[in-house]
Structures are given as C-alpha cells and as structure tokens.
Amino acid sequence: MNMLKEGDQVPAFTTKDQDGNEVQWSDYADKKVVVFFYPKASTPGCTAEACNLRDNYKELQAEGYELLGVSADSKRRQTNFRNKYEFPFPLLADEDKTVINAFGVWGPKKFMGKEYDGIHRTTFIVENGTVTRVIGKVKTKDHAAQILTEA
C-alpha cells in the first residue's frame, strides 16, 4: 500500500458517480476537497461517517470544501446509500479501484483475527491538487469536527 501523504499531488483520474456520471479529478483540481474513503456503503460505521458529514455539510461548505465519498461499491449500492440518507455530495462508485489505488488506500486489514484486503477508512484534505492533510484515524461519529478543527 503506497498511500498519498501531505505534499503529494493527486494523480489524474476518471471514474463514475452514483448516477453513472463521469467524474474527472481535473474538475476538482483547483478546489478545496475532502475526499473520504469508506469500506462499504450502508454499514454502521460508514453510515455514521457519511451522515455526520451530511449534517455538517453547510459548515464544510462555508470553509470552502467540496466533498467526494469513495468506495468500491456498485453504482446501484451507492445510489441507494445516497438516496436513503439524502447526501448532498457525490459518492464515487469506484468498482475498478481507480481512485482507491490512486490514493493508495487499498491493502491488508485485520478484523476479528482474519486478514483480508480492503479499503482503509482514510480522509484526504486536498487544496489545488495537493494533499494538505491525511486523517487516518477517522472518528465516524465526529468526522466533520476532525476536518474543521484543523482547517
């Protein structure tokens, strides 16, 4: 796993959002962006994290942030997740792991004594295409505060 770190440039990518629309990094390259990676849509931790960001969306926007949620879920699963919880930000359906690999968040994990490969819950704060902060220990129920306190 070769995760992006502070000072790294985000590589160009193209993928699809929950509605099948093409999303290109170049559309975000000159903005302040919160790119949050989560293991699986509609699971308890991922729901808590995304809902916390939804509930604090106005505050995040007031600081100039755009949000992109990313997981390897299908478009359909991402659409259901977004519609059920009324997220105001796009969710990328990164089934081929283009974005996941670009940021380097796929790798070995352990859960209940078993080892497997999966997405490491990680958030990247990016300004003008450069990673300015990496949050590796995400507090799912208080994630917006983690982002905003060090903004």
N, C-alpha and C. Protein backbone atom coordinates (compact mmCIF):
# COMPACT_ATOMS: atom_id res chain seq x y z
N MET A 1 0.85 -1.18 0.00
CA MET A 1 0.00 0.00 0.00
C MET A 1 0.90 1.24 0.00
N ASN A 2 0.72 2.08 -0.98
CA ASN A 2 1.54 3.28 -1.11
C ASN A 2 0.62 4.50 -1.05
N MET A 3 0.20 4.87 0.16
CA MET A 3 -0.79 5.91 0.36
C MET A 3 -0.21 7.30 0.10
N LEU A 4 -1.03 8.18 -0.50
CA LEU A 4 -0.62 9.57 -0.68
C LEU A 4 -0.40 10.19 0.69
N LYS A 5 0.52 11.12 0.76
CA LYS A 5 0.80 11.81 2.01
C LYS A 5 0.83 13.33 1.77
N GLU A 6 0.94 14.07 2.83
CA GLU A 6 0.99 15.53 2.71
C GLU A 6 2.05 15.94 1.70
N GLY A 7 1.68 16.88 0.83
CA GLY A 7 2.61 17.38 -0.17
C GLY A 7 2.53 16.66 -1.51
N ASP A 8 1.89 15.48 -1.53
CA ASP A 8 1.75 14.74 -2.80
C ASP A 8 0.68 15.37 -3.68
N GLN A 9 0.90 15.28 -4.98
CA GLN A 9 -0.11 15.69 -5.96
C GLN A 9 -1.07 14.52 -6.17
N VAL A 10 -2.35 14.81 -6.26
CA VAL A 10 -3.33 13.77 -6.57
C VAL A 10 -3.24 13.47 -8.06
N PRO A 11 -3.02 12.20 -8.43
CA PRO A 11 -2.93 11.88 -9.85
C PRO A 11 -4.28 12.03 -10.55
N ALA A 12 -4.24 12.33 -11.83
CA ALA A 12 -5.47 12.47 -12.62
C ALA A 12 -6.22 11.14 -12.62
N PHE A 13 -7.54 11.22 -12.55
CA PHE A 13 -8.36 10.01 -12.66
C PHE A 13 -9.71 10.37 -13.24
N THR A 14 -10.38 9.37 -13.76
CA THR A 14 -11.75 9.48 -14.24
C THR A 14 -12.49 8.26 -13.73
N THR A 15 -13.65 8.48 -13.15
CA THR A 15 -14.48 7.37 -12.66
C THR A 15 -15.94 7.78 -12.78
N LYS A 16 -16.83 7.01 -12.20
CA LYS A 16 -18.28 7.30 -12.26
C LYS A 16 -18.81 7.57 -10.86
N ASP A 17 -19.84 8.44 -10.81
CA ASP A 17 -20.51 8.66 -9.54
C ASP A 17 -21.71 7.72 -9.43
N GLN A 18 -22.49 7.90 -8.38
CA GLN A 18 -23.61 7.01 -8.10
C GLN A 18 -24.66 7.01 -9.22
N ASP A 19 -24.71 8.05 -10.02
CA ASP A 19 -25.69 8.12 -11.11
C ASP A 19 -25.11 7.71 -12.46
N GLY A 20 -23.84 7.29 -12.46
CA GLY A 20 -23.21 6.89 -13.71
C GLY A 20 -22.58 8.05 -14.46
N ASN A 21 -22.58 9.25 -13.85
CA ASN A 21 -21.95 10.40 -14.47
C ASN A 21 -20.44 10.29 -14.34
N GLU A 22 -19.74 10.71 -15.40
CA GLU A 22 -18.28 10.68 -15.35
C GLU A 22 -17.77 11.79 -14.44
N VAL A 23 -16.84 11.43 -13.57
CA VAL A 23 -16.21 12.39 -12.67
C VAL A 23 -14.72 12.39 -12.96
N GLN A 24 -14.18 13.57 -13.26
CA GLN A 24 -12.75 13.69 -13.53
C GLN A 24 -12.12 14.52 -12.42
N TRP A 25 -10.94 14.10 -11.98
CA TRP A 25 -10.25 14.85 -10.94
C TRP A 25 -9.98 16.28 -11.39
N SER A 26 -9.77 16.48 -12.68
CA SER A 26 -9.48 17.83 -13.18
C SER A 26 -10.60 18.82 -12.84
N ASP A 27 -11.84 18.32 -12.63
CA ASP A 27 -12.95 19.19 -12.24
C ASP A 27 -12.79 19.72 -10.81
N TYR A 28 -11.94 19.05 -10.02
CA TYR A 28 -11.75 19.41 -8.61
C TYR A 28 -10.34 19.92 -8.31
N ALA A 29 -9.46 19.84 -9.29
CA ALA A 29 -8.03 20.08 -9.06
C ALA A 29 -7.71 21.47 -8.52
N ASP A 30 -8.56 22.46 -8.77
CA ASP A 30 -8.27 23.82 -8.30
C ASP A 30 -9.14 24.21 -7.09
N LYS A 31 -9.71 23.19 -6.42
CA LYS A 31 -10.62 23.46 -5.30
C LYS A 31 -10.07 22.87 -4.00
N LYS A 32 -10.76 23.20 -2.91
CA LYS A 32 -10.50 22.55 -1.63
C LYS A 32 -11.46 21.36 -1.56
N VAL A 33 -10.91 20.17 -1.41
CA VAL A 33 -11.74 18.97 -1.48
C VAL A 33 -11.45 18.05 -0.30
N VAL A 34 -12.52 17.52 0.27
CA VAL A 34 -12.44 16.46 1.26
C VAL A 34 -12.77 15.17 0.50
N VAL A 35 -11.78 14.29 0.36
CA VAL A 35 -12.00 13.01 -0.30
C VAL A 35 -11.97 11.96 0.80
N PHE A 36 -13.16 11.39 1.09
CA PHE A 36 -13.22 10.41 2.17
C PHE A 36 -13.51 9.02 1.61
N PHE A 37 -12.68 8.07 2.03
CA PHE A 37 -12.79 6.68 1.60
C PHE A 37 -13.42 5.87 2.72
N TYR A 38 -14.40 5.06 2.36
CA TYR A 38 -15.07 4.21 3.35
C TYR A 38 -15.21 2.81 2.79
N PRO A 39 -15.17 1.79 3.66
CA PRO A 39 -15.15 0.40 3.20
C PRO A 39 -16.41 -0.07 2.47
N LYS A 40 -17.60 0.23 2.97
CA LYS A 40 -18.81 -0.33 2.36
C LYS A 40 -20.03 0.52 2.70
N ALA A 41 -20.76 0.92 1.65
CA ALA A 41 -21.96 1.72 1.82
C ALA A 41 -22.98 0.99 2.69
N SER A 42 -23.69 1.76 3.49
CA SER A 42 -24.81 1.28 4.33
C SER A 42 -24.40 0.40 5.50
N THR A 43 -23.11 0.31 5.79
CA THR A 43 -22.70 -0.40 7.01
C THR A 43 -22.70 0.63 8.15
N PRO A 44 -22.76 0.19 9.40
CA PRO A 44 -22.92 1.15 10.51
C PRO A 44 -21.87 2.25 10.57
N GLY A 45 -20.59 1.91 10.50
CA GLY A 45 -19.55 2.93 10.59
C GLY A 45 -19.56 3.90 9.41
N CYS A 46 -19.77 3.35 8.22
CA CYS A 46 -19.77 4.19 7.02
C CYS A 46 -21.00 5.11 7.01
N THR A 47 -22.13 4.59 7.48
CA THR A 47 -23.34 5.41 7.56
C THR A 47 -23.14 6.53 8.57
N ALA A 48 -22.58 6.21 9.73
CA ALA A 48 -22.34 7.24 10.76
C ALA A 48 -21.42 8.34 10.21
N GLU A 49 -20.36 7.92 9.52
CA GLU A 49 -19.40 8.89 8.98
C GLU A 49 -20.05 9.80 7.94
N ALA A 50 -20.71 9.20 6.96
CA ALA A 50 -21.31 9.98 5.88
C ALA A 50 -22.44 10.88 6.39
N CYS A 51 -23.23 10.38 7.35
CA CYS A 51 -24.31 11.20 7.92
C CYS A 51 -23.75 12.37 8.72
N ASN A 52 -22.64 12.16 9.42
CA ASN A 52 -22.01 13.24 10.15
C ASN A 52 -21.55 14.33 9.17
N LEU A 53 -20.98 13.93 8.04
CA LEU A 53 -20.55 14.91 7.04
C LEU A 53 -21.76 15.61 6.43
N ARG A 54 -22.84 14.86 6.20
CA ARG A 54 -24.09 15.46 5.68
C ARG A 54 -24.62 16.50 6.65
N ASP A 55 -24.66 16.14 7.94
CA ASP A 55 -25.23 17.04 8.95
C ASP A 55 -24.40 18.30 9.15
N ASN A 56 -23.14 18.25 8.76
CA ASN A 56 -22.24 19.41 8.90
C ASN A 56 -21.83 19.97 7.54
N TYR A 57 -22.58 19.62 6.53
CA TYR A 57 -22.23 20.00 5.15
C TYR A 57 -22.15 21.52 4.97
N LYS A 58 -23.09 22.26 5.56
CA LYS A 58 -23.08 23.72 5.41
C LYS A 58 -21.81 24.33 6.00
N GLU A 59 -21.38 23.80 7.17
CA GLU A 59 -20.16 24.31 7.79
C GLU A 59 -18.94 23.98 6.93
N LEU A 60 -18.92 22.78 6.37
CA LEU A 60 -17.81 22.39 5.49
C LEU A 60 -17.79 23.27 4.24
N GLN A 61 -18.96 23.52 3.68
CA GLN A 61 -19.04 24.41 2.50
C GLN A 61 -18.61 25.83 2.86
N ALA A 62 -18.97 26.29 4.05
CA ALA A 62 -18.60 27.64 4.49
C ALA A 62 -17.08 27.79 4.55
N GLU A 63 -16.37 26.67 4.80
CA GLU A 63 -14.91 26.68 4.79
C GLU A 63 -14.35 26.48 3.38
N GLY A 64 -15.25 26.35 2.40
CA GLY A 64 -14.82 26.24 1.01
C GLY A 64 -14.63 24.82 0.50
N TYR A 65 -15.04 23.82 1.29
CA TYR A 65 -14.79 22.43 0.89
C TYR A 65 -15.87 21.86 -0.01
N GLU A 66 -15.42 21.10 -1.01
CA GLU A 66 -16.27 20.19 -1.79
C GLU A 66 -16.04 18.82 -1.16
N LEU A 67 -17.02 17.93 -1.23
CA LEU A 67 -16.86 16.58 -0.68
C LEU A 67 -17.02 15.53 -1.75
N LEU A 68 -16.20 14.50 -1.67
CA LEU A 68 -16.32 13.31 -2.53
C LEU A 68 -16.19 12.08 -1.65
N GLY A 69 -17.22 11.25 -1.63
CA GLY A 69 -17.16 9.98 -0.92
C GLY A 69 -16.77 8.89 -1.90
N VAL A 70 -15.92 7.96 -1.48
CA VAL A 70 -15.43 6.93 -2.40
C VAL A 70 -15.43 5.56 -1.72
N SER A 71 -16.00 4.58 -2.42
CA SER A 71 -15.86 3.18 -2.02
C SER A 71 -15.90 2.33 -3.28
N ALA A 72 -15.66 1.05 -3.13
CA ALA A 72 -15.64 0.14 -4.28
C ALA A 72 -17.04 -0.43 -4.56
N ASP A 73 -18.06 0.16 -3.95
CA ASP A 73 -19.43 -0.31 -4.17
C ASP A 73 -19.92 0.00 -5.58
N SER A 74 -20.93 -0.76 -5.99
CA SER A 74 -21.53 -0.56 -7.32
C SER A 74 -22.30 0.77 -7.35
N LYS A 75 -22.58 1.23 -8.57
CA LYS A 75 -23.39 2.45 -8.74
C LYS A 75 -24.72 2.29 -8.00
N ARG A 76 -25.33 1.14 -8.16
CA ARG A 76 -26.65 0.90 -7.55
C ARG A 76 -26.58 1.01 -6.02
N ARG A 77 -25.57 0.39 -5.43
CA ARG A 77 -25.43 0.44 -3.98
C ARG A 77 -25.15 1.88 -3.51
N GLN A 78 -24.32 2.61 -4.27
CA GLN A 78 -24.03 4.00 -3.92
C GLN A 78 -25.28 4.87 -4.07
N THR A 79 -26.06 4.63 -5.13
CA THR A 79 -27.29 5.39 -5.34
C THR A 79 -28.25 5.15 -4.18
N ASN A 80 -28.43 3.89 -3.80
CA ASN A 80 -29.33 3.57 -2.69
C ASN A 80 -28.86 4.24 -1.40
N PHE A 81 -27.56 4.20 -1.16
CA PHE A 81 -26.96 4.81 0.04
C PHE A 81 -27.21 6.32 0.03
N ARG A 82 -26.95 6.95 -1.09
CA ARG A 82 -27.11 8.40 -1.20
C ARG A 82 -28.58 8.80 -1.04
N ASN A 83 -29.46 8.08 -1.72
CA ASN A 83 -30.89 8.42 -1.66
C ASN A 83 -31.48 8.18 -0.28
N LYS A 84 -31.11 7.08 0.34
CA LYS A 84 -31.66 6.74 1.66
C LYS A 84 -31.32 7.79 2.70
N TYR A 85 -30.09 8.30 2.65
CA TYR A 85 -29.63 9.25 3.66
C TYR A 85 -29.55 10.69 3.15
N GLU A 86 -29.99 10.91 1.92
CA GLU A 86 -30.06 12.25 1.32
C GLU A 86 -28.74 13.02 1.41
N PHE A 87 -27.67 12.38 0.94
CA PHE A 87 -26.37 13.05 0.95
C PHE A 87 -26.33 14.12 -0.13
N PRO A 88 -25.84 15.33 0.20
CA PRO A 88 -25.78 16.42 -0.77
C PRO A 88 -24.49 16.41 -1.60
N PHE A 89 -23.68 15.37 -1.43
CA PHE A 89 -22.40 15.29 -2.14
C PHE A 89 -22.35 13.98 -2.92
N PRO A 90 -21.55 13.94 -3.98
CA PRO A 90 -21.47 12.72 -4.80
C PRO A 90 -20.70 11.59 -4.10
N LEU A 91 -21.11 10.38 -4.42
CA LEU A 91 -20.42 9.17 -3.98
C LEU A 91 -19.86 8.49 -5.22
N LEU A 92 -18.57 8.25 -5.24
CA LEU A 92 -17.95 7.63 -6.40
C LEU A 92 -18.05 6.12 -6.28
N ALA A 93 -18.54 5.49 -7.34
CA ALA A 93 -18.67 4.03 -7.41
C ALA A 93 -17.40 3.50 -8.08
N ASP A 94 -16.38 3.32 -7.29
CA ASP A 94 -15.04 3.01 -7.79
C ASP A 94 -14.81 1.49 -7.83
N GLU A 95 -15.66 0.80 -8.60
CA GLU A 95 -15.62 -0.67 -8.64
C GLU A 95 -14.28 -1.20 -9.15
N ASP A 96 -13.65 -0.49 -10.08
CA ASP A 96 -12.35 -0.97 -10.60
C ASP A 96 -11.17 -0.44 -9.78
N LYS A 97 -11.47 0.28 -8.71
CA LYS A 97 -10.48 0.79 -7.75
C LYS A 97 -9.49 1.79 -8.35
N THR A 98 -9.89 2.50 -9.37
CA THR A 98 -9.03 3.52 -9.99
C THR A 98 -8.64 4.59 -8.97
N VAL A 99 -9.63 5.15 -8.28
CA VAL A 99 -9.38 6.23 -7.32
C VAL A 99 -8.76 5.66 -6.04
N ILE A 100 -9.27 4.52 -5.61
CA ILE A 100 -8.76 3.85 -4.41
C ILE A 100 -7.26 3.59 -4.55
N ASN A 101 -6.84 3.09 -5.71
CA ASN A 101 -5.42 2.82 -5.94
C ASN A 101 -4.62 4.11 -6.13
N ALA A 102 -5.24 5.13 -6.75
CA ALA A 102 -4.55 6.41 -6.95
C ALA A 102 -4.17 7.03 -5.60
N PHE A 103 -5.06 6.88 -4.60
CA PHE A 103 -4.79 7.43 -3.27
C PHE A 103 -4.05 6.43 -2.38
N GLY A 104 -3.99 5.16 -2.80
CA GLY A 104 -3.25 4.15 -2.06
C GLY A 104 -3.91 3.69 -0.78
N VAL A 105 -5.25 3.56 -0.78
CA VAL A 105 -5.95 3.17 0.44
C VAL A 105 -6.42 1.71 0.44
N TRP A 106 -6.01 0.93 -0.55
CA TRP A 106 -6.36 -0.49 -0.60
C TRP A 106 -5.19 -1.30 -0.07
N GLY A 107 -5.46 -2.21 0.85
CA GLY A 107 -4.37 -3.01 1.37
C GLY A 107 -4.83 -3.97 2.45
N PRO A 108 -3.88 -4.67 3.06
CA PRO A 108 -4.21 -5.67 4.07
C PRO A 108 -4.85 -5.06 5.32
N LYS A 109 -5.88 -5.73 5.81
CA LYS A 109 -6.59 -5.31 7.02
C LYS A 109 -6.81 -6.54 7.89
N LYS A 110 -7.09 -6.29 9.15
CA LYS A 110 -7.43 -7.38 10.06
C LYS A 110 -8.76 -7.08 10.72
N PHE A 111 -9.61 -8.10 10.81
CA PHE A 111 -10.88 -7.96 11.50
C PHE A 111 -11.22 -9.29 12.14
N MET A 112 -11.41 -9.28 13.45
CA MET A 112 -11.73 -10.49 14.21
C MET A 112 -10.75 -11.63 13.91
N GLY A 113 -9.46 -11.28 13.86
CA GLY A 113 -8.42 -12.28 13.68
C GLY A 113 -8.19 -12.72 12.25
N LYS A 114 -9.00 -12.26 11.32
CA LYS A 114 -8.83 -12.64 9.92
C LYS A 114 -8.17 -11.50 9.16
N GLU A 115 -7.29 -11.87 8.24
CA GLU A 115 -6.63 -10.87 7.42
C GLU A 115 -7.21 -10.92 6.01
N TYR A 116 -7.44 -9.75 5.43
CA TYR A 116 -8.00 -9.65 4.08
C TYR A 116 -7.61 -8.30 3.49
N ASP A 117 -7.79 -8.14 2.19
CA ASP A 117 -7.53 -6.85 1.56
C ASP A 117 -8.82 -6.04 1.52
N GLY A 118 -8.69 -4.74 1.76
CA GLY A 118 -9.86 -3.87 1.73
C GLY A 118 -9.45 -2.42 1.77
N ILE A 119 -10.47 -1.56 1.82
CA ILE A 119 -10.25 -0.11 1.87
C ILE A 119 -9.96 0.31 3.30
N HIS A 120 -8.91 1.08 3.47
CA HIS A 120 -8.60 1.67 4.76
C HIS A 120 -9.37 2.98 4.87
N ARG A 121 -10.22 3.10 5.90
CA ARG A 121 -11.01 4.32 6.09
C ARG A 121 -10.04 5.48 6.30
N THR A 122 -9.96 6.34 5.32
CA THR A 122 -8.99 7.44 5.34
C THR A 122 -9.62 8.64 4.66
N THR A 123 -9.30 9.83 5.15
CA THR A 123 -9.78 11.06 4.53
C THR A 123 -8.59 11.92 4.15
N PHE A 124 -8.68 12.49 2.94
CA PHE A 124 -7.62 13.36 2.43
C PHE A 124 -8.21 14.76 2.24
N ILE A 125 -7.50 15.75 2.75
CA ILE A 125 -7.84 17.14 2.51
C ILE A 125 -6.90 17.60 1.40
N VAL A 126 -7.49 18.07 0.30
CA VAL A 126 -6.70 18.42 -0.88
C VAL A 126 -7.00 19.87 -1.26
N GLU A 127 -5.96 20.64 -1.50
CA GLU A 127 -6.13 22.01 -1.98
C GLU A 127 -5.30 22.20 -3.22
N ASN A 128 -5.95 22.68 -4.27
CA ASN A 128 -5.29 22.91 -5.56
C ASN A 128 -4.51 21.69 -6.03
N GLY A 129 -5.09 20.51 -5.83
CA GLY A 129 -4.49 19.28 -6.33
C GLY A 129 -3.42 18.67 -5.44
N THR A 130 -3.09 19.33 -4.32
CA THR A 130 -2.05 18.83 -3.41
C THR A 130 -2.66 18.39 -2.10
N VAL A 131 -2.26 17.23 -1.61
CA VAL A 131 -2.73 16.74 -0.32
C VAL A 131 -2.14 17.63 0.77
N THR A 132 -3.02 18.24 1.58
CA THR A 132 -2.55 19.10 2.66
C THR A 132 -2.66 18.41 4.02
N ARG A 133 -3.52 17.38 4.10
CA ARG A 133 -3.68 16.66 5.36
C ARG A 133 -4.27 15.28 5.09
N VAL A 134 -3.85 14.31 5.88
CA VAL A 134 -4.38 12.96 5.80
C VAL A 134 -4.91 12.60 7.19
N ILE A 135 -6.17 12.18 7.25
CA ILE A 135 -6.76 11.75 8.51
C ILE A 135 -6.90 10.23 8.44
N GLY A 136 -6.06 9.53 9.18
CA GLY A 136 -6.06 8.08 9.16
C GLY A 136 -6.92 7.46 10.24
N LYS A 137 -7.04 8.14 11.38
CA LYS A 137 -7.87 7.64 12.47
C LYS A 137 -9.18 8.42 12.46
N VAL A 138 -10.07 8.01 11.57
CA VAL A 138 -11.34 8.70 11.38
C VAL A 138 -12.29 8.39 12.52
N LYS A 139 -12.85 9.44 13.12
CA LYS A 139 -13.90 9.29 14.13
C LYS A 139 -15.23 9.37 13.38
N THR A 140 -15.84 8.22 13.13
CA THR A 140 -17.01 8.17 12.26
C THR A 140 -18.16 9.06 12.72
N LYS A 141 -18.36 9.18 14.03
CA LYS A 141 -19.49 9.96 14.53
C LYS A 141 -19.17 11.44 14.70
N ASP A 142 -17.92 11.81 14.49
CA ASP A 142 -17.50 13.20 14.71
C ASP A 142 -16.47 13.63 13.66
N HIS A 143 -16.66 13.14 12.45
CA HIS A 143 -15.64 13.34 11.42
C HIS A 143 -15.55 14.78 10.94
N ALA A 144 -16.68 15.46 10.82
CA ALA A 144 -16.65 16.85 10.36
C ALA A 144 -15.82 17.71 11.30
N ALA A 145 -15.94 17.46 12.60
CA ALA A 145 -15.16 18.23 13.58
C ALA A 145 -13.67 17.99 13.38
N GLN A 146 -13.29 16.73 13.05
CA GLN A 146 -11.88 16.44 12.78
C GLN A 146 -11.38 17.29 11.61
N ILE A 147 -12.20 17.42 10.61
CA ILE A 147 -11.82 18.18 9.41
C ILE A 147 -11.77 19.67 9.72
N LEU A 148 -12.80 20.17 10.41
CA LEU A 148 -12.93 21.60 10.65
C LEU A 148 -11.99 22.15 11.72
N THR A 149 -11.64 21.35 12.72
CA THR A 149 -10.79 21.87 13.80
C THR A 149 -9.39 22.19 13.34
N GLU A 150 -8.95 21.52 12.31
CA GLU A 150 -7.60 21.81 11.83
C GLU A 150 -7.60 22.50 10.48
N ALA A 151 -8.77 23.02 10.11
CA ALA A 151 -8.89 23.67 8.80
C ALA A 151 -8.10 24.96 8.75
